[in-house]
Amino acid sequence: MTQLKTDEDFDDEEGIESKRKRRILVPSIEYRTMKTKQKKKKIKELVTTIPTDKEGH
């Protein structure tokens, strides 16, 4: 589980709503980033396991 980022002070009238949105959005962005890294790693592993035709047939 990801930890929530620390809240920043908001000067606007929707400050409370902005904090709520920030708490919801930050973990999902980090989750997507992790999934992307995992996918890239899997693709890299697949590329390295594909046998190459060294004889040129």
Protein backbone atom coordinates (compact mmCIF):
# COMPACT_ATOMS: atom_id res chain seq x y z
CA MET A 1 0.00 0.00 0.00
CA THR A 2 1.34 3.42 -0.88
CA GLN A 3 1.59 6.19 1.64
CA LEU A 4 -0.26 9.40 0.95
CA LYS A 5 1.76 12.46 0.13
CA THR A 6 1.78 15.24 2.69
CA ASP A 7 -0.92 17.84 2.19
CA GLU A 8 -0.05 21.28 0.94
CA ASP A 9 -1.81 24.42 2.11
CA PHE A 10 -4.36 25.75 -0.34
CA ASP A 11 -5.40 29.42 -0.49
CA ASP A 12 -8.42 28.96 -2.73
CA GLU A 13 -12.00 28.54 -1.57
CA GLU A 14 -12.03 24.92 -2.77
CA GLY A 15 -9.02 24.01 -0.65
CA ILE A 16 -10.72 21.16 1.19
CA GLU A 17 -11.99 19.65 -2.05
CA SER A 18 -8.53 20.00 -3.61
CA LYS A 19 -6.96 18.11 -0.69
CA ARG A 20 -9.49 15.31 -1.13
CA LYS A 21 -8.76 15.06 -4.84
CA ARG A 22 -5.02 15.06 -4.16
CA ARG A 23 -5.35 12.20 -1.67
CA ILE A 24 -7.31 10.15 -4.18
CA LEU A 25 -5.19 10.89 -7.26
CA VAL A 26 -1.63 10.56 -5.96
CA PRO A 27 -1.73 6.84 -5.02
CA SER A 28 -3.39 5.90 -8.34
CA ILE A 29 -0.69 7.75 -10.32
CA GLU A 30 2.03 5.91 -8.37
CA TYR A 31 0.19 2.63 -8.97
CA ARG A 32 0.06 3.26 -12.71
CA THR A 33 3.76 4.10 -12.74
CA MET A 34 4.57 0.81 -10.97
CA LYS A 35 2.42 -1.15 -13.43
CA THR A 36 4.17 0.55 -16.36
CA LYS A 37 7.60 -0.33 -14.93
CA GLN A 38 6.51 -3.94 -14.41
CA LYS A 39 5.23 -4.17 -18.00
CA LYS A 40 8.50 -2.75 -19.37
CA LYS A 41 10.46 -5.25 -17.29
CA LYS A 42 8.34 -8.14 -18.61
CA ILE A 43 8.81 -6.94 -22.19
CA LYS A 44 12.56 -6.67 -21.64
CA GLU A 45 12.66 -10.21 -20.21
CA LEU A 46 10.69 -11.52 -23.20
CA VAL A 47 13.04 -9.83 -25.65
CA THR A 48 16.09 -11.36 -24.00
CA THR A 49 14.57 -14.86 -24.08
CA ILE A 50 13.69 -14.87 -27.79
CA PRO A 51 16.20 -17.10 -29.60
CA THR A 52 18.00 -15.47 -32.50
CA ASP A 53 18.87 -17.10 -35.79
CA LYS A 54 22.65 -16.75 -35.84
CA GLU A 55 23.14 -18.94 -38.93
CA GLY A 56 21.22 -16.53 -41.18
CA HIS A 57 18.62 -18.99 -42.55
